[in-house]
Amino acid sequence: MAGKRLYELMTKRGGKPSDYSDVVYGTVISAKPLKVQLSNNMVLTDDFIVLGKHIGKFKLQGNAIMKGSADMTFHGHHDTANISKADLSFKKTSMYIEFDNSLEKGDKVTMIRLDGGQQFYLFERLGEDGFGF
């Protein structure tokens, strides 16, 4: 019966499909100012785009596990570290890691078109594998 009730609520609202929220995909055609072209060739400017928390530069605090190799500079000394596994634990107030996940021209992105289609929430940049960064 819950499904019937949900169907009734959805059909009662009416309107066109463009009036509802939807997942849409696009390509960044300009990073500054931000412009995203949707698959239907419509171009969105930054006036209509809300960026998610992990798009652009952001900081994370907490625990991290590192594997692989990394070029590091510490107190003026540069070296390459090969790390088989390192567990890092630090207080949120004492250390953070900064990431730069800024958008670049040609990036494929996933957005949610908000109700009414006047705003788009850009929450993910797709990597070469078709998944997140």
C-alpha atoms as a PDB file:
ATOM      1  CA  MET A   1       0.000   0.000   0.000  1.00  0.00           C
ATOM      2  CA  ALA A   2       2.925   2.363   0.611  1.00  0.00           C
ATOM      3  CA  GLY A   3       3.898   2.118  -3.062  1.00  0.00           C
ATOM      4  CA  LYS A   4       0.374   3.061  -4.127  1.00  0.00           C
ATOM      5  CA  ARG A   5       0.423   6.084  -1.820  1.00  0.00           C
ATOM      6  CA  LEU A   6       3.800   7.197  -3.184  1.00  0.00           C
ATOM      7  CA  TYR A   7       2.562   6.824  -6.767  1.00  0.00           C
ATOM      8  CA  GLU A   8      -0.519   8.919  -5.948  1.00  0.00           C
ATOM      9  CA  LEU A   9       1.632  11.675  -4.426  1.00  0.00           C
ATOM     10  CA  MET A  10       3.943  11.732  -7.438  1.00  0.00           C
ATOM     11  CA  THR A  11       1.158  11.841 -10.039  1.00  0.00           C
ATOM     12  CA  LYS A  12      -0.875  14.363  -8.059  1.00  0.00           C
ATOM     13  CA  ARG A  13       1.921  16.909  -8.208  1.00  0.00           C
ATOM     14  CA  GLY A  14       1.850  17.098 -12.007  1.00  0.00           C
ATOM     15  CA  GLY A  15       4.211  19.296 -13.969  1.00  0.00           C
ATOM     16  CA  LYS A  16       6.816  18.591 -16.620  1.00  0.00           C
ATOM     17  CA  PRO A  17       9.811  16.285 -16.141  1.00  0.00           C
ATOM     18  CA  SER A  18      12.088  19.371 -16.126  1.00  0.00           C
ATOM     19  CA  ASP A  19      10.303  20.537 -12.955  1.00  0.00           C
ATOM     20  CA  TYR A  20      11.772  17.670 -10.917  1.00  0.00           C
ATOM     21  CA  SER A  21      15.230  16.911  -9.568  1.00  0.00           C
ATOM     22  CA  ASP A  22      17.424  14.734 -11.734  1.00  0.00           C
ATOM     23  CA  VAL A  23      21.027  13.559 -12.092  1.00  0.00           C
ATOM     24  CA  VAL A  24      22.752  15.207 -15.059  1.00  0.00           C
ATOM     25  CA  TYR A  25      26.222  14.896 -16.555  1.00  0.00           C
ATOM     26  CA  GLY A  26      28.364  17.576 -18.105  1.00  0.00           C
ATOM     27  CA  THR A  27      31.793  18.676 -19.252  1.00  0.00           C
ATOM     28  CA  VAL A  28      33.718  21.651 -17.876  1.00  0.00           C
ATOM     29  CA  ILE A  29      34.356  24.016 -20.796  1.00  0.00           C
ATOM     30  CA  SER A  30      35.874  26.768 -18.620  1.00  0.00           C
ATOM     31  CA  ALA A  31      37.285  26.585 -15.079  1.00  0.00           C
ATOM     32  CA  LYS A  32      37.413  30.340 -14.364  1.00  0.00           C
ATOM     33  CA  PRO A  33      34.720  31.492 -14.726  1.00  0.00           C
ATOM     34  CA  LEU A  34      33.112  28.088 -14.278  1.00  0.00           C
ATOM     35  CA  LYS A  35      31.044  26.923 -17.246  1.00  0.00           C
ATOM     36  CA  VAL A  36      29.673  23.407 -17.672  1.00  0.00           C
ATOM     37  CA  GLN A  37      28.142  22.085 -20.866  1.00  0.00           C
ATOM     38  CA  LEU A  38      25.384  19.513 -20.427  1.00  0.00           C
ATOM     39  CA  SER A  39      24.832  16.649 -22.831  1.00  0.00           C
ATOM     40  CA  ASN A  40      21.995  18.596 -24.485  1.00  0.00           C
ATOM     41  CA  ASN A  41      24.516  21.397 -25.325  1.00  0.00           C
ATOM     42  CA  MET A  42      23.054  23.761 -22.708  1.00  0.00           C
ATOM     43  CA  VAL A  43      25.864  25.733 -20.976  1.00  0.00           C
ATOM     44  CA  LEU A  44      25.581  26.494 -17.247  1.00  0.00           C
ATOM     45  CA  THR A  45      27.497  29.367 -15.691  1.00  0.00           C
ATOM     46  CA  ASP A  46      28.642  29.552 -12.072  1.00  0.00           C
ATOM     47  CA  ASP A  47      25.500  31.578 -11.279  1.00  0.00           C
ATOM     48  CA  PHE A  48      23.506  28.324 -11.497  1.00  0.00           C
ATOM     49  CA  ILE A  49      26.066  25.911  -9.997  1.00  0.00           C
ATOM     50  CA  VAL A  50      26.555  25.081  -6.317  1.00  0.00           C
ATOM     51  CA  LEU A  51      29.850  23.265  -5.659  1.00  0.00           C
ATOM     52  CA  GLY A  52      29.987  20.296  -3.312  1.00  0.00           C
ATOM     53  CA  LYS A  53      32.315  20.213  -0.318  1.00  0.00           C
ATOM     54  CA  HIS A  54      34.975  18.104  -2.061  1.00  0.00           C
ATOM     55  CA  ILE A  55      35.213  20.105  -5.271  1.00  0.00           C
ATOM     56  CA  GLY A  56      38.051  22.651  -5.328  1.00  0.00           C
ATOM     57  CA  LYS A  57      40.542  22.986  -2.495  1.00  0.00           C
ATOM     58  CA  PHE A  58      39.550  21.471   0.818  1.00  0.00           C
ATOM     59  CA  LYS A  59      41.121  20.254   4.057  1.00  0.00           C
ATOM     60  CA  LEU A  60      40.568  16.969   5.874  1.00  0.00           C
ATOM     61  CA  GLN A  61      41.433  16.167   9.443  1.00  0.00           C
ATOM     62  CA  GLY A  62      41.588  12.785  11.145  1.00  0.00           C
ATOM     63  CA  ASN A  63      43.286   9.446  10.466  1.00  0.00           C
ATOM     64  CA  ALA A  64      45.034   8.422   7.241  1.00  0.00           C
ATOM     65  CA  ILE A  65      46.662   5.273   5.855  1.00  0.00           C
ATOM     66  CA  MET A  66      49.455   5.837   3.346  1.00  0.00           C
ATOM     67  CA  LYS A  67      50.909   3.359   0.834  1.00  0.00           C
ATOM     68  CA  GLY A  68      53.209   3.857  -2.152  1.00  0.00           C
ATOM     69  CA  SER A  69      55.911   6.428  -2.742  1.00  0.00           C
ATOM     70  CA  ALA A  70      55.902  10.175  -2.312  1.00  0.00           C
ATOM     71  CA  ASP A  71      58.244  13.088  -2.916  1.00  0.00           C
ATOM     72  CA  MET A  72      58.459  15.074   0.295  1.00  0.00           C
ATOM     73  CA  THR A  73      60.126  18.234   1.502  1.00  0.00           C
ATOM     74  CA  PHE A  74      60.473  18.613   5.261  1.00  0.00           C
ATOM     75  CA  HIS A  75      62.389  21.483   6.853  1.00  0.00           C
ATOM     76  CA  GLY A  76      64.185  22.177   3.572  1.00  0.00           C
ATOM     77  CA  HIS A  77      65.263  18.555   2.951  1.00  0.00           C
ATOM     78  CA  HIS A  78      63.842  16.838  -0.120  1.00  0.00           C
ATOM     79  CA  ASP A  79      63.633  13.059  -0.485  1.00  0.00           C
ATOM     80  CA  THR A  80      61.474  10.261  -1.883  1.00  0.00           C
ATOM     81  CA  ALA A  81      59.810   8.005   0.647  1.00  0.00           C
ATOM     82  CA  ASN A  82      58.730   4.459  -0.194  1.00  0.00           C
ATOM     83  CA  ILE A  83      55.963   3.556   2.197  1.00  0.00           C
ATOM     84  CA  SER A  84      54.703  -0.005   2.552  1.00  0.00           C
ATOM     85  CA  LYS A  85      52.070   1.105   5.042  1.00  0.00           C
ATOM     86  CA  ALA A  86      51.871   3.958   7.494  1.00  0.00           C
ATOM     87  CA  ASP A  87      48.997   4.673   9.831  1.00  0.00           C
ATOM     88  CA  LEU A  88      48.802   8.332  10.749  1.00  0.00           C
ATOM     89  CA  SER A  89      46.688   9.513  13.601  1.00  0.00           C
ATOM     90  CA  PHE A  90      46.543  13.142  14.646  1.00  0.00           C
ATOM     91  CA  LYS A  91      44.309  15.471  16.573  1.00  0.00           C
ATOM     92  CA  LYS A  92      41.963  17.518  14.450  1.00  0.00           C
ATOM     93  CA  THR A  93      43.282  20.734  15.928  1.00  0.00           C
ATOM     94  CA  SER A  94      46.953  19.982  15.297  1.00  0.00           C
ATOM     95  CA  MET A  95      47.202  18.774  11.681  1.00  0.00           C
ATOM     96  CA  TYR A  96      45.282  18.545   8.431  1.00  0.00           C
ATOM     97  CA  ILE A  97      45.841  17.406   4.862  1.00  0.00           C
ATOM     98  CA  GLU A  98      44.937  19.805   2.080  1.00  0.00           C
ATOM     99  CA  PHE A  99      43.622  18.462  -1.227  1.00  0.00           C
ATOM    100  CA  ASP A 100      43.279  20.305  -4.511  1.00  0.00           C
ATOM    101  CA  ASN A 101      40.420  18.785  -6.477  1.00  0.00           C
ATOM    102  CA  SER A 102      39.867  21.914  -8.574  1.00  0.00           C
ATOM    103  CA  LEU A 103      37.964  21.599 -11.797  1.00  0.00           C
ATOM    104  CA  GLU A 104      39.817  21.902 -15.085  1.00  0.00           C
ATOM    105  CA  LYS A 105      38.688  22.334 -18.660  1.00  0.00           C
ATOM    106  CA  GLY A 106      37.620  18.956 -20.072  1.00  0.00           C
ATOM    107  CA  ASP A 107      36.669  17.392 -16.705  1.00  0.00           C
ATOM    108  CA  LYS A 108      33.536  15.249 -16.728  1.00  0.00           C
ATOM    109  CA  VAL A 109      31.212  16.064 -13.835  1.00  0.00           C
ATOM    110  CA  THR A 110      28.046  14.751 -12.213  1.00  0.00           C
ATOM    111  CA  MET A 111      25.399  17.149 -10.921  1.00  0.00           C
ATOM    112  CA  ILE A 112      21.933  17.071  -9.420  1.00  0.00           C
ATOM    113  CA  ARG A 113      19.453  19.383 -11.088  1.00  0.00           C
ATOM    114  CA  LEU A 114      17.430  20.769  -8.210  1.00  0.00           C
ATOM    115  CA  ASP A 115      13.649  21.101  -8.271  1.00  0.00           C
ATOM    116  CA  GLY A 116      12.668  23.643 -10.923  1.00  0.00           C
ATOM    117  CA  GLY A 117      15.968  23.346 -12.805  1.00  0.00           C
ATOM    118  CA  GLN A 118      17.349  26.740 -11.740  1.00  0.00           C
ATOM    119  CA  GLN A 119      20.232  25.378  -9.624  1.00  0.00           C
ATOM    120  CA  PHE A 120      22.650  22.494 -10.130  1.00  0.00           C
ATOM    121  CA  TYR A 121      24.598  20.843  -7.297  1.00  0.00           C
ATOM    122  CA  LEU A 122      27.979  19.724  -8.690  1.00  0.00           C
ATOM    123  CA  PHE A 123      29.133  16.958  -6.373  1.00  0.00           C
ATOM    124  CA  GLU A 124      31.546  14.790  -8.316  1.00  0.00           C
ATOM    125  CA  ARG A 125      34.315  15.008 -10.877  1.00  0.00           C
ATOM    126  CA  LEU A 126      34.636  11.762 -12.813  1.00  0.00           C
ATOM    127  CA  GLY A 127      38.087  10.238 -13.169  1.00  0.00           C
ATOM    128  CA  GLU A 128      39.495   8.483 -16.209  1.00  0.00           C
ATOM    129  CA  ASP A 129      37.992   5.219 -14.950  1.00  0.00           C
ATOM    130  CA  GLY A 130      34.498   6.729 -14.997  1.00  0.00           C
ATOM    131  CA  PHE A 131      34.309   6.945 -11.227  1.00  0.00           C
ATOM    132  CA  GLY A 132      35.147   9.710  -8.742  1.00  0.00           C
ATOM    133  CA  PHE A 133      38.586  11.300  -8.449  1.00  0.00           C
END
